[in-house]
Amino acid sequence: MSSAANAAKRALQQERTRLLYRRSLKQILSWAVHREIFYVEASKTRAAFEANRNVEDISRIDRLIGEGEAKLEKMRHPDPYTVPWAPGGSKYARSPPVPEEIGLVYDFGRQEEWDK
């Protein structure tokens, strides 16, 4: 494999690893909403990633990433935590603005007095 192809493969692996770590933390937050539990589980996840930090074999790295993605899929939460004001959250679009085509009349029946 050429050095350019090797560098591209390594960059792709780094991106997949970063995304796997980020999705893992979000998954942990869905299972452990309380911060003291989350911090312990996040430390365990970080330690697992750090244990394989210095692996150089490209095929082994691919296998480790694949195993991590499979584990993440297996541990997926059935009802993941969503920030309340984000799309899908309980407060999202709770009080939408009044549509522009609806006209508001503040003093019904007394418009003539205001027109003078």
Protein backbone atom coordinates (compact mmCIF):
# COMPACT_ATOMS: atom_id res chain seq x y z
CA MET A 1 0.00 0.00 0.00
CA SER A 2 1.35 3.44 -0.90
CA SER A 3 2.08 6.00 1.75
CA ALA A 4 -0.79 8.24 0.58
CA ALA A 5 -3.25 5.36 0.75
CA ASN A 6 -1.87 4.38 4.14
CA ALA A 7 -2.26 7.94 5.44
CA ALA A 8 -5.83 8.10 4.12
CA LYS A 9 -6.66 4.79 5.80
CA ARG A 10 -5.21 6.01 9.11
CA ALA A 11 -7.18 9.27 8.88
CA LEU A 12 -10.38 7.29 8.29
CA GLN A 13 -9.60 5.07 11.27
CA GLN A 14 -8.97 8.08 13.48
CA GLU A 15 -12.29 9.60 12.46
CA ARG A 16 -14.17 6.33 13.06
CA THR A 17 -12.50 6.02 16.47
CA ARG A 18 -13.40 9.58 17.41
CA LEU A 19 -17.03 9.04 16.39
CA LEU A 20 -17.17 5.72 18.22
CA TYR A 21 -15.89 7.34 21.41
CA ARG A 22 -18.35 10.21 21.13
CA ARG A 23 -21.32 7.92 20.44
CA SER A 24 -20.22 5.70 23.35
CA LEU A 25 -20.34 8.66 25.73
CA LYS A 26 -23.78 9.65 24.48
CA GLN A 27 -24.95 6.06 24.92
CA ILE A 28 -23.61 5.98 28.48
CA LEU A 29 -25.50 9.20 29.21
CA SER A 30 -28.73 7.52 28.09
CA TRP A 31 -28.18 4.64 30.52
CA ALA A 32 -26.72 6.64 33.44
CA VAL A 33 -28.41 10.02 33.64
CA HIS A 34 -26.93 10.85 37.07
CA ARG A 35 -23.52 12.47 36.66
CA GLU A 36 -21.73 10.53 39.39
CA ILE A 37 -22.59 7.25 37.63
CA PHE A 38 -21.85 8.73 34.21
CA TYR A 39 -18.35 9.86 35.24
CA VAL A 40 -17.41 6.37 36.47
CA GLU A 41 -18.67 4.69 33.29
CA ALA A 42 -17.05 7.35 31.07
CA SER A 43 -13.71 6.74 32.82
CA LYS A 44 -14.00 3.00 32.11
CA THR A 45 -14.73 3.73 28.45
CA ARG A 46 -11.80 6.12 28.22
CA ALA A 47 -9.50 3.51 29.78
CA ALA A 48 -10.62 0.96 27.17
CA PHE A 49 -9.80 3.39 24.36
CA GLU A 50 -6.45 4.34 25.93
CA ALA A 51 -5.47 0.67 26.30
CA ASN A 52 -5.49 0.35 22.49
CA ARG A 53 -4.05 3.76 21.71
CA ASN A 54 -0.63 2.55 20.55
CA VAL A 55 -1.80 -0.26 18.25
CA GLU A 56 -0.07 0.11 14.87
CA ASP A 57 -1.43 -2.85 12.86
CA ILE A 58 -4.06 -1.46 10.46
CA SER A 59 -6.08 -4.69 10.26
CA ARG A 60 -6.13 -5.01 14.05
CA ILE A 61 -7.31 -1.42 14.38
CA ASP A 62 -10.14 -2.12 11.92
CA ARG A 63 -11.10 -5.23 13.91
CA LEU A 64 -11.09 -3.29 17.21
CA ILE A 65 -13.24 -0.52 15.74
CA GLY A 66 -15.66 -3.10 14.32
CA GLU A 67 -15.92 -4.84 17.69
CA GLY A 68 -16.53 -1.50 19.41
CA GLU A 69 -19.26 -0.55 16.94
CA ALA A 70 -20.91 -3.96 17.38
CA LYS A 71 -20.78 -3.60 21.18
CA LEU A 72 -22.22 -0.10 20.92
CA GLU A 73 -25.08 -1.36 18.74
CA LYS A 74 -25.75 -4.21 21.17
CA MET A 75 -25.91 -1.81 24.13
CA ARG A 76 -28.13 0.75 22.38
CA HIS A 77 -30.74 2.27 24.68
CA PRO A 78 -34.37 1.67 23.61
CA ASP A 79 -35.37 5.21 24.61
CA PRO A 80 -32.23 7.38 24.35
CA TYR A 81 -31.96 10.62 26.27
CA THR A 82 -32.83 13.68 24.22
CA VAL A 83 -32.28 17.24 25.36
CA PRO A 84 -35.83 18.58 26.00
CA TRP A 85 -35.59 21.58 23.64
CA ALA A 86 -33.93 19.63 20.81
CA PRO A 87 -35.97 18.01 18.00
CA GLY A 88 -37.61 14.93 19.49
CA GLY A 89 -37.44 16.37 23.01
CA SER A 90 -40.43 16.94 25.25
CA LYS A 91 -40.27 20.76 24.98
CA TYR A 92 -39.50 21.01 21.26
CA ALA A 93 -41.96 23.40 19.54
CA ARG A 94 -44.18 23.42 22.60
CA SER A 95 -45.21 27.06 22.09
CA PRO A 96 -44.93 27.77 18.38
CA PRO A 97 -45.39 31.37 17.22
CA VAL A 98 -48.75 32.53 15.93
CA PRO A 99 -48.97 32.13 12.13
CA GLU A 100 -48.72 35.40 10.21
CA GLU A 101 -52.01 34.83 8.35
CA ILE A 102 -53.95 35.09 11.62
CA GLY A 103 -54.79 38.70 12.43
CA LEU A 104 -55.12 39.80 16.04
CA VAL A 105 -57.82 42.25 17.12
CA TYR A 106 -57.06 43.76 20.49
CA ASP A 107 -60.21 45.87 21.07
CA PHE A 108 -62.99 44.02 19.28
CA GLY A 109 -65.81 46.37 18.31
CA ARG A 110 -63.93 49.57 19.08
CA GLN A 111 -61.78 49.84 15.94
CA GLU A 112 -63.50 53.06 14.83
CA GLU A 113 -62.30 54.91 17.92
CA TRP A 114 -58.70 53.97 17.13
CA ASP A 115 -58.99 54.96 13.47
CA LYS A 116 -59.80 58.60 14.35
